[in-house]
PDB file of N, CA and C in Angstrom:
ATOM      1  N   MET A   1       8.848 -79.505   5.695  1.00  0.00           N
ATOM      2  CA  MET A   1       7.898 -78.433   5.485  1.00  0.00           C
ATOM      3  C   MET A   1       7.939 -77.507   6.705  1.00  0.00           C
ATOM      4  N   SER A   2       7.919 -76.232   6.464  1.00  0.00           N
ATOM      5  CA  SER A   2       8.011 -75.271   7.550  1.00  0.00           C
ATOM      6  C   SER A   2       6.630 -74.905   8.098  1.00  0.00           C
ATOM      7  N   PHE A   3       6.648 -74.226   9.219  1.00  0.00           N
ATOM      8  CA  PHE A   3       5.439 -73.732   9.862  1.00  0.00           C
ATOM      9  C   PHE A   3       5.220 -72.275   9.465  1.00  0.00           C
ATOM     10  N   ARG A   4       3.995 -71.803   9.618  1.00  0.00           N
ATOM     11  CA  ARG A   4       3.682 -70.412   9.322  1.00  0.00           C
ATOM     12  C   ARG A   4       3.351 -69.706  10.629  1.00  0.00           C
ATOM     13  N   ILE A   5       3.988 -68.571  10.860  1.00  0.00           N
ATOM     14  CA  ILE A   5       3.710 -67.785  12.055  1.00  0.00           C
ATOM     15  C   ILE A   5       2.655 -66.743  11.711  1.00  0.00           C
ATOM     16  N   ILE A   6       1.607 -66.713  12.502  1.00  0.00           N
ATOM     17  CA  ILE A   6       0.515 -65.756  12.312  1.00  0.00           C
ATOM     18  C   ILE A   6       0.615 -64.738  13.440  1.00  0.00           C
ATOM     19  N   TYR A   7       0.918 -63.501  13.081  1.00  0.00           N
ATOM     20  CA  TYR A   7       1.079 -62.433  14.064  1.00  0.00           C
ATOM     21  C   TYR A   7      -0.225 -61.671  14.230  1.00  0.00           C
ATOM     22  N   THR A   8      -0.700 -61.561  15.455  1.00  0.00           N
ATOM     23  CA  THR A   8      -1.904 -60.784  15.735  1.00  0.00           C
ATOM     24  C   THR A   8      -1.503 -59.355  16.095  1.00  0.00           C
ATOM     25  N   PRO A   9      -2.411 -58.398  15.945  1.00  0.00           N
ATOM     26  CA  PRO A   9      -2.086 -57.026  16.347  1.00  0.00           C
ATOM     27  C   PRO A   9      -1.695 -56.928  17.827  1.00  0.00           C
ATOM     28  N   GLY A  10      -2.360 -57.697  18.681  1.00  0.00           N
ATOM     29  CA  GLY A  10      -2.030 -57.683  20.110  1.00  0.00           C
ATOM     30  C   GLY A  10      -0.616 -58.168  20.371  1.00  0.00           C
ATOM     31  N   TYR A  11      -0.232 -59.253  19.699  1.00  0.00           N
ATOM     32  CA  TYR A  11       1.132 -59.747  19.879  1.00  0.00           C
ATOM     33  C   TYR A  11       2.145 -58.738  19.338  1.00  0.00           C
ATOM     34  N   ASN A  12       1.850 -58.149  18.203  1.00  0.00           N
ATOM     35  CA  ASN A  12       2.777 -57.169  17.627  1.00  0.00           C
ATOM     36  C   ASN A  12       3.014 -56.000  18.583  1.00  0.00           C
ATOM     37  N   ARG A  13       1.969 -55.554  19.275  1.00  0.00           N
ATOM     38  CA  ARG A  13       2.127 -54.474  20.262  1.00  0.00           C
ATOM     39  C   ARG A  13       3.009 -54.930  21.423  1.00  0.00           C
ATOM     40  N   ARG A  14       2.764 -56.141  21.929  1.00  0.00           N
ATOM     41  CA  ARG A  14       3.564 -56.660  23.047  1.00  0.00           C
ATOM     42  C   ARG A  14       5.014 -56.861  22.624  1.00  0.00           C
ATOM     43  N   ALA A  15       5.232 -57.349  21.405  1.00  0.00           N
ATOM     44  CA  ALA A  15       6.597 -57.552  20.915  1.00  0.00           C
ATOM     45  C   ALA A  15       7.320 -56.223  20.743  1.00  0.00           C
ATOM     46  N   ALA A  16       6.630 -55.224  20.212  1.00  0.00           N
ATOM     47  CA  ALA A  16       7.249 -53.897  20.038  1.00  0.00           C
ATOM     48  C   ALA A  16       7.636 -53.310  21.387  1.00  0.00           C
ATOM     49  N   LYS A  17       6.771 -53.467  22.373  1.00  0.00           N
ATOM     50  CA  LYS A  17       7.054 -52.967  23.724  1.00  0.00           C
ATOM     51  C   LYS A  17       8.254 -53.711  24.319  1.00  0.00           C
ATOM     52  N   PHE A  18       8.293 -55.034  24.145  1.00  0.00           N
ATOM     53  CA  PHE A  18       9.411 -55.842  24.639  1.00  0.00           C
ATOM     54  C   PHE A  18      10.723 -55.394  24.002  1.00  0.00           C
ATOM     55  N   LEU A  19      10.716 -55.212  22.687  1.00  0.00           N
ATOM     56  CA  LEU A  19      11.946 -54.841  21.977  1.00  0.00           C
ATOM     57  C   LEU A  19      12.373 -53.408  22.284  1.00  0.00           C
ATOM     58  N   LYS A  20      11.417 -52.559  22.594  1.00  0.00           N
ATOM     59  CA  LYS A  20      11.766 -51.189  22.991  1.00  0.00           C
ATOM     60  C   LYS A  20      12.487 -51.198  24.336  1.00  0.00           C
ATOM     61  N   ARG A  21      12.034 -52.063  25.249  1.00  0.00           N
ATOM     62  CA  ARG A  21      12.681 -52.178  26.563  1.00  0.00           C
ATOM     63  C   ARG A  21      13.989 -52.950  26.499  1.00  0.00           C
ATOM     64  N   HIS A  22      14.103 -53.864  25.522  1.00  0.00           N
ATOM     65  CA  HIS A  22      15.273 -54.756  25.428  1.00  0.00           C
ATOM     66  C   HIS A  22      15.832 -54.779  24.003  1.00  0.00           C
ATOM     67  N   PRO A  23      16.309 -53.661  23.477  1.00  0.00           N
ATOM     68  CA  PRO A  23      16.789 -53.636  22.087  1.00  0.00           C
ATOM     69  C   PRO A  23      18.000 -54.545  21.857  1.00  0.00           C
ATOM     70  N   ASP A  24      18.725 -54.862  22.913  1.00  0.00           N
ATOM     71  CA  ASP A  24      19.892 -55.726  22.778  1.00  0.00           C
ATOM     72  C   ASP A  24      19.512 -57.184  22.498  1.00  0.00           C
ATOM     73  N   PHE A  25      18.229 -57.537  22.618  1.00  0.00           N
ATOM     74  CA  PHE A  25      17.784 -58.902  22.342  1.00  0.00           C
ATOM     75  C   PHE A  25      17.172 -59.059  20.956  1.00  0.00           C
ATOM     76  N   LEU A  26      17.223 -58.023  20.137  1.00  0.00           N
ATOM     77  CA  LEU A  26      16.595 -58.070  18.816  1.00  0.00           C
ATOM     78  C   LEU A  26      17.105 -59.239  17.978  1.00  0.00           C
ATOM     79  N   LEU A  27      18.413 -59.425  17.897  1.00  0.00           N
ATOM     80  CA  LEU A  27      18.961 -60.512  17.070  1.00  0.00           C
ATOM     81  C   LEU A  27      18.548 -61.880  17.601  1.00  0.00           C
ATOM     82  N   GLN A  28      18.582 -62.072  18.925  1.00  0.00           N
ATOM     83  CA  GLN A  28      18.161 -63.348  19.502  1.00  0.00           C
ATOM     84  C   GLN A  28      16.674 -63.590  19.243  1.00  0.00           C
ATOM     85  N   TYR A  29      15.870 -62.541  19.371  1.00  0.00           N
ATOM     86  CA  TYR A  29      14.435 -62.639  19.134  1.00  0.00           C
ATOM     87  C   TYR A  29      14.161 -63.053  17.687  1.00  0.00           C
ATOM     88  N   GLU A  30      14.802 -62.380  16.737  1.00  0.00           N
ATOM     89  CA  GLU A  30      14.602 -62.707  15.321  1.00  0.00           C
ATOM     90  C   GLU A  30      15.080 -64.121  15.004  1.00  0.00           C
ATOM     91  N   LYS A  31      16.204 -64.520  15.578  1.00  0.00           N
ATOM     92  CA  LYS A  31      16.721 -65.871  15.363  1.00  0.00           C
ATOM     93  C   LYS A  31      15.737 -66.920  15.896  1.00  0.00           C
ATOM     94  N   THR A  32      15.149 -66.644  17.048  1.00  0.00           N
ATOM     95  CA  THR A  32      14.168 -67.560  17.636  1.00  0.00           C
ATOM     96  C   THR A  32      12.967 -67.720  16.719  1.00  0.00           C
ATOM     97  N   LEU A  33      12.460 -66.624  16.170  1.00  0.00           N
ATOM     98  CA  LEU A  33      11.300 -66.705  15.275  1.00  0.00           C
ATOM     99  C   LEU A  33      11.627 -67.449  13.984  1.00  0.00           C
ATOM    100  N   LYS A  34      12.804 -67.223  13.434  1.00  0.00           N
ATOM    101  CA  LYS A  34      13.190 -67.932  12.207  1.00  0.00           C
ATOM    102  C   LYS A  34      13.297 -69.432  12.451  1.00  0.00           C
ATOM    103  N   LEU A  35      13.917 -69.797  13.568  1.00  0.00           N
ATOM    104  CA  LEU A  35      14.060 -71.211  13.909  1.00  0.00           C
ATOM    105  C   LEU A  35      12.693 -71.824  14.195  1.00  0.00           C
ATOM    106  N   LEU A  36      11.810 -71.068  14.805  1.00  0.00           N
ATOM    107  CA  LEU A  36      10.455 -71.536  15.089  1.00  0.00           C
ATOM    108  C   LEU A  36       9.712 -71.880  13.798  1.00  0.00           C
ATOM    109  N   GLU A  37       9.891 -71.070  12.761  1.00  0.00           N
ATOM    110  CA  GLU A  37       9.259 -71.346  11.461  1.00  0.00           C
ATOM    111  C   GLU A  37       9.839 -72.605  10.817  1.00  0.00           C
ATOM    112  N   ILE A  38      11.134 -72.791  10.945  1.00  0.00           N
ATOM    113  CA  ILE A  38      11.792 -73.935  10.313  1.00  0.00           C
ATOM    114  C   ILE A  38      11.501 -75.230  11.061  1.00  0.00           C
ATOM    115  N   ASP A  39      11.681 -75.189  12.393  1.00  0.00           N
ATOM    116  CA  ASP A  39      11.512 -76.394  13.202  1.00  0.00           C
ATOM    117  C   ASP A  39      11.190 -76.021  14.644  1.00  0.00           C
ATOM    118  N   PRO A  40       9.904 -75.941  14.999  1.00  0.00           N
ATOM    119  CA  PRO A  40       9.550 -75.556  16.362  1.00  0.00           C
ATOM    120  C   PRO A  40      10.017 -76.564  17.413  1.00  0.00           C
ATOM    121  N   PHE A  41      10.426 -77.746  16.983  1.00  0.00           N
ATOM    122  CA  PHE A  41      10.874 -78.775  17.918  1.00  0.00           C
ATOM    123  C   PHE A  41      12.395 -78.809  18.073  1.00  0.00           C
ATOM    124  N   HIS A  42      13.081 -77.825  17.498  1.00  0.00           N
ATOM    125  CA  HIS A  42      14.539 -77.762  17.622  1.00  0.00           C
ATOM    126  C   HIS A  42      14.900 -77.663  19.107  1.00  0.00           C
ATOM    127  N   PRO A  43      15.870 -78.458  19.559  1.00  0.00           N
ATOM    128  CA  PRO A  43      16.207 -78.487  20.997  1.00  0.00           C
ATOM    129  C   PRO A  43      16.575 -77.128  21.594  1.00  0.00           C
ATOM    130  N   SER A  44      17.185 -76.246  20.829  1.00  0.00           N
ATOM    131  CA  SER A  44      17.600 -74.959  21.401  1.00  0.00           C
ATOM    132  C   SER A  44      16.417 -74.056  21.746  1.00  0.00           C
ATOM    133  N   LEU A  45      15.239 -74.327  21.180  1.00  0.00           N
ATOM    134  CA  LEU A  45      14.052 -73.533  21.506  1.00  0.00           C
ATOM    135  C   LEU A  45      13.433 -73.952  22.843  1.00  0.00           C
ATOM    136  N   ARG A  46      13.711 -75.145  23.284  1.00  0.00           N
ATOM    137  CA  ARG A  46      13.167 -75.685  24.532  1.00  0.00           C
ATOM    138  C   ARG A  46      11.634 -75.536  24.575  1.00  0.00           C
ATOM    139  N   LEU A  47      10.989 -76.022  23.519  1.00  0.00           N
ATOM    140  CA  LEU A  47       9.533 -75.984  23.415  1.00  0.00           C
ATOM    141  C   LEU A  47       8.919 -76.777  24.562  1.00  0.00           C
ATOM    142  N   ARG A  48       7.972 -76.157  25.265  1.00  0.00           N
ATOM    143  CA  ARG A  48       7.295 -76.802  26.383  1.00  0.00           C
ATOM    144  C   ARG A  48       5.806 -76.509  26.319  1.00  0.00           C
ATOM    145  N   ARG A  49       5.008 -77.526  26.619  1.00  0.00           N
ATOM    146  CA  ARG A  49       3.561 -77.319  26.789  1.00  0.00           C
ATOM    147  C   ARG A  49       3.388 -76.776  28.204  1.00  0.00           C
ATOM    148  N   LEU A  50       2.550 -75.741  28.331  1.00  0.00           N
ATOM    149  CA  LEU A  50       2.325 -75.135  29.631  1.00  0.00           C
ATOM    150  C   LEU A  50       1.220 -75.886  30.379  1.00  0.00           C
ATOM    151  N   LYS A  51       1.129 -75.621  31.665  1.00  0.00           N
ATOM    152  CA  LYS A  51       0.149 -76.307  32.521  1.00  0.00           C
ATOM    153  C   LYS A  51      -0.759 -75.285  33.183  1.00  0.00           C
ATOM    154  N   GLY A  52      -1.771 -75.783  33.846  1.00  0.00           N
ATOM    155  CA  GLY A  52      -2.682 -74.916  34.593  1.00  0.00           C
ATOM    156  C   GLY A  52      -3.556 -74.085  33.676  1.00  0.00           C
ATOM    157  N   THR A  53      -3.709 -72.801  34.025  1.00  0.00           N
ATOM    158  CA  THR A  53      -4.588 -71.933  33.257  1.00  0.00           C
ATOM    159  C   THR A  53      -4.052 -71.642  31.858  1.00  0.00           C
ATOM    160  N   LEU A  54      -2.771 -71.918  31.614  1.00  0.00           N
ATOM    161  CA  LEU A  54      -2.165 -71.687  30.300  1.00  0.00           C
ATOM    162  C   LEU A  54      -1.977 -72.988  29.517  1.00  0.00           C
ATOM    163  N   SER A  55      -2.726 -74.027  29.875  1.00  0.00           N
ATOM    164  CA  SER A  55      -2.511 -75.350  29.286  1.00  0.00           C
ATOM    165  C   SER A  55      -2.782 -75.426  27.784  1.00  0.00           C
ATOM    166  N   GLU A  56      -3.425 -74.427  27.222  1.00  0.00           N
ATOM    167  CA  GLU A  56      -3.664 -74.392  25.779  1.00  0.00           C
ATOM    168  C   GLU A  56      -2.451 -73.876  25.014  1.00  0.00           C
ATOM    169  N   LEU A  57      -1.431 -73.391  25.738  1.00  0.00           N
ATOM    170  CA  LEU A  57      -0.280 -72.739  25.118  1.00  0.00           C
ATOM    171  C   LEU A  57       1.000 -73.544  25.282  1.00  0.00           C
ATOM    172  N   HIS A  58       1.988 -73.176  24.482  1.00  0.00           N
ATOM    173  CA  HIS A  58       3.357 -73.677  24.587  1.00  0.00           C
ATOM    174  C   HIS A  58       4.265 -72.475  24.825  1.00  0.00           C
ATOM    175  N   SER A  59       5.503 -72.749  25.162  1.00  0.00           N
ATOM    176  CA  SER A  59       6.474 -71.655  25.246  1.00  0.00           C
ATOM    177  C   SER A  59       7.782 -72.096  24.611  1.00  0.00           C
ATOM    178  N   VAL A  60       8.517 -71.125  24.096  1.00  0.00           N
ATOM    179  CA  VAL A  60       9.875 -71.340  23.594  1.00  0.00           C
ATOM    180  C   VAL A  60      10.770 -70.289  24.237  1.00  0.00           C
ATOM    181  N   SER A  61      12.037 -70.605  24.316  1.00  0.00           N
ATOM    182  CA  SER A  61      12.985 -69.696  24.949  1.00  0.00           C
ATOM    183  C   SER A  61      13.694 -68.840  23.919  1.00  0.00           C
ATOM    184  N   ILE A  62      13.792 -67.548  24.216  1.00  0.00           N
ATOM    185  CA  ILE A  62      14.653 -66.650  23.449  1.00  0.00           C
ATOM    186  C   ILE A  62      16.064 -66.799  24.003  1.00  0.00           C
ATOM    187  N   ASN A  63      16.145 -66.804  25.325  1.00  0.00           N
ATOM    188  CA  ASN A  63      17.387 -67.082  26.055  1.00  0.00           C
ATOM    189  C   ASN A  63      16.981 -67.579  27.437  1.00  0.00           C
ATOM    190  N   ILE A  64      17.900 -67.631  28.352  1.00  0.00           N
ATOM    191  CA  ILE A  64      17.610 -68.186  29.667  1.00  0.00           C
ATOM    192  C   ILE A  64      16.555 -67.370  30.429  1.00  0.00           C
ATOM    193  N   SER A  65      16.448 -66.077  30.145  1.00  0.00           N
ATOM    194  CA  SER A  65      15.553 -65.204  30.904  1.00  0.00           C
ATOM    195  C   SER A  65      14.233 -64.872  30.214  1.00  0.00           C
ATOM    196  N   TYR A  66      14.177 -64.949  28.892  1.00  0.00           N
ATOM    197  CA  TYR A  66      13.004 -64.473  28.162  1.00  0.00           C
ATOM    198  C   TYR A  66      12.377 -65.576  27.313  1.00  0.00           C
ATOM    199  N   ARG A  67      11.044 -65.536  27.234  1.00  0.00           N
ATOM    200  CA  ARG A  67      10.278 -66.567  26.556  1.00  0.00           C
ATOM    201  C   ARG A  67       9.245 -65.938  25.613  1.00  0.00           C
ATOM    202  N   ILE A  68       8.781 -66.775  24.706  1.00  0.00           N
ATOM    203  CA  ILE A  68       7.626 -66.439  23.873  1.00  0.00           C
ATOM    204  C   ILE A  68       6.583 -67.514  24.156  1.00  0.00           C
ATOM    205  N   THR A  69       5.372 -67.113  24.541  1.00  0.00           N
ATOM    206  CA  THR A  69       4.292 -68.090  24.650  1.00  0.00           C
ATOM    207  C   THR A  69       3.552 -68.087  23.317  1.00  0.00           C
ATOM    208  N   LEU A  70       3.029 -69.253  22.957  1.00  0.00           N
ATOM    209  CA  LEU A  70       2.409 -69.359  21.640  1.00  0.00           C
ATOM    210  C   LEU A  70       1.384 -70.465  21.587  1.00  0.00           C
ATOM    211  N   GLU A  71       0.504 -70.358  20.601  1.00  0.00           N
ATOM    212  CA  GLU A  71      -0.398 -71.441  20.240  1.00  0.00           C
ATOM    213  C   GLU A  71       0.280 -72.207  19.124  1.00  0.00           C
ATOM    214  N   LEU A  72       0.404 -73.497  19.272  1.00  0.00           N
ATOM    215  CA  LEU A  72       1.029 -74.334  18.259  1.00  0.00           C
ATOM    216  C   LEU A  72      -0.048 -75.249  17.692  1.00  0.00           C
ATOM    217  N   ILE A  73      -0.416 -75.024  16.436  1.00  0.00           N
ATOM    218  CA  ILE A  73      -1.468 -75.809  15.792  1.00  0.00           C
ATOM    219  C   ILE A  73      -0.788 -76.725  14.778  1.00  0.00           C
ATOM    220  N   ILE A  74      -0.522 -77.938  15.207  1.00  0.00           N
ATOM    221  CA  ILE A  74       0.229 -78.895  14.395  1.00  0.00           C
ATOM    222  C   ILE A  74      -0.532 -79.248  13.128  1.00  0.00           C
ATOM    223  N   GLN A  75      -1.826 -79.447  13.229  1.00  0.00           N
ATOM    224  CA  GLN A  75      -2.628 -79.900  12.097  1.00  0.00           C
ATOM    225  C   GLN A  75      -2.480 -78.974  10.897  1.00  0.00           C
ATOM    226  N   ASP A  76      -2.521 -77.693  11.120  1.00  0.00           N
ATOM    227  CA  ASP A  76      -2.441 -76.736  10.020  1.00  0.00           C
ATOM    228  C   ASP A  76      -1.050 -76.125   9.875  1.00  0.00           C
ATOM    229  N   ARG A  77      -0.082 -76.606  10.663  1.00  0.00           N
ATOM    230  CA  ARG A  77       1.301 -76.125  10.634  1.00  0.00           C
ATOM    231  C   ARG A  77       1.347 -74.609  10.847  1.00  0.00           C
ATOM    232  N   GLN A  78       0.591 -74.158  11.848  1.00  0.00           N
ATOM    233  CA  GLN A  78       0.533 -72.740  12.164  1.00  0.00           C
ATOM    234  C   GLN A  78       1.013 -72.498  13.589  1.00  0.00           C
ATOM    235  N   ILE A  79       1.636 -71.370  13.785  1.00  0.00           N
ATOM    236  CA  ILE A  79       2.089 -70.935  15.099  1.00  0.00           C
ATOM    237  C   ILE A  79       1.571 -69.521  15.297  1.00  0.00           C
ATOM    238  N   MET A  80       0.926 -69.293  16.433  1.00  0.00           N
ATOM    239  CA  MET A  80       0.405 -67.967  16.740  1.00  0.00           C
ATOM    240  C   MET A  80       1.033 -67.487  18.051  1.00  0.00           C
ATOM    241  N   PRO A  81       2.018 -66.584  17.960  1.00  0.00           N
ATOM    242  CA  PRO A  81       2.605 -66.046  19.191  1.00  0.00           C
ATOM    243  C   PRO A  81       1.549 -65.293  19.994  1.00  0.00           C
ATOM    244  N   VAL A  82       1.624 -65.431  21.327  1.00  0.00           N
ATOM    245  CA  VAL A  82       0.654 -64.798  22.211  1.00  0.00           C
ATOM    246  C   VAL A  82       1.308 -63.690  23.030  1.00  0.00           C
ATOM    247  N   ASP A  83       2.482 -63.962  23.585  1.00  0.00           N
ATOM    248  CA  ASP A  83       3.134 -62.990  24.457  1.00  0.00           C
ATOM    249  C   ASP A  83       4.634 -63.206  24.414  1.00  0.00           C
ATOM    250  N   VAL A  84       5.384 -62.178  24.783  1.00  0.00           N
ATOM    251  CA  VAL A  84       6.836 -62.258  24.851  1.00  0.00           C
ATOM    252  C   VAL A  84       7.277 -61.463  26.062  1.00  0.00           C
ATOM    253  N   GLY A  85       8.242 -61.992  26.790  1.00  0.00           N
ATOM    254  CA  GLY A  85       8.753 -61.281  27.962  1.00  0.00           C
ATOM    255  C   GLY A  85       9.502 -62.220  28.884  1.00  0.00           C
ATOM    256  N   SER A  86       9.701 -61.766  30.110  1.00  0.00           N
ATOM    257  CA  SER A  86      10.405 -62.583  31.100  1.00  0.00           C
ATOM    258  C   SER A  86       9.497 -63.730  31.540  1.00  0.00           C
ATOM    259  N   HIS A  87      10.071 -64.669  32.243  1.00  0.00           N
ATOM    260  CA  HIS A  87       9.335 -65.822  32.756  1.00  0.00           C
ATOM    261  C   HIS A  87       8.090 -65.361  33.522  1.00  0.00           C
ATOM    262  N   ASP A  88       8.266 -64.438  34.456  1.00  0.00           N
ATOM    263  CA  ASP A  88       7.149 -63.955  35.276  1.00  0.00           C
ATOM    264  C   ASP A  88       6.104 -63.208  34.453  1.00  0.00           C
ATOM    265  N   GLU A  89       6.527 -62.488  33.438  1.00  0.00           N
ATOM    266  CA  GLU A  89       5.584 -61.705  32.630  1.00  0.00           C
ATOM    267  C   GLU A  89       4.693 -62.589  31.770  1.00  0.00           C
ATOM    268  N   VAL A  90       5.239 -63.614  31.150  1.00  0.00           N
ATOM    269  CA  VAL A  90       4.444 -64.415  30.208  1.00  0.00           C
ATOM    270  C   VAL A  90       3.658 -65.534  30.889  1.00  0.00           C
ATOM    271  N   TYR A  91       4.028 -65.909  32.111  1.00  0.00           N
ATOM    272  CA  TYR A  91       3.324 -66.995  32.804  1.00  0.00           C
ATOM    273  C   TYR A  91       2.330 -66.495  33.840  1.00  0.00           C
ATOM    274  N   ARG A  92       1.965 -65.228  33.790  1.00  0.00           N
ATOM    275  CA  ARG A  92       1.009 -64.684  34.770  1.00  0.00           C
ATOM    276  C   ARG A  92      -0.388 -65.094  34.467  1.00  0.00           C
TER     277      ARG A  92
END
């Protein structure tokens, strides 16, 4: 059974801004989201629970430099992306 991604208006704005700055990552970004819906635990996503002030969130990798932070709600099989960007941008 797959997961459902719930996009918020805030995330959509951040994603649009990210893709405008990095249009060459569009295919990797879309591939990451598709794989996230199918299997968020796939090894290539490198799903990690965050620590500290972001301990309620997880992150997945688009590539070595860019990440998506997200809320992962296992009980309802829902994923809510929160932010997308470089390591420093999403972990602030």
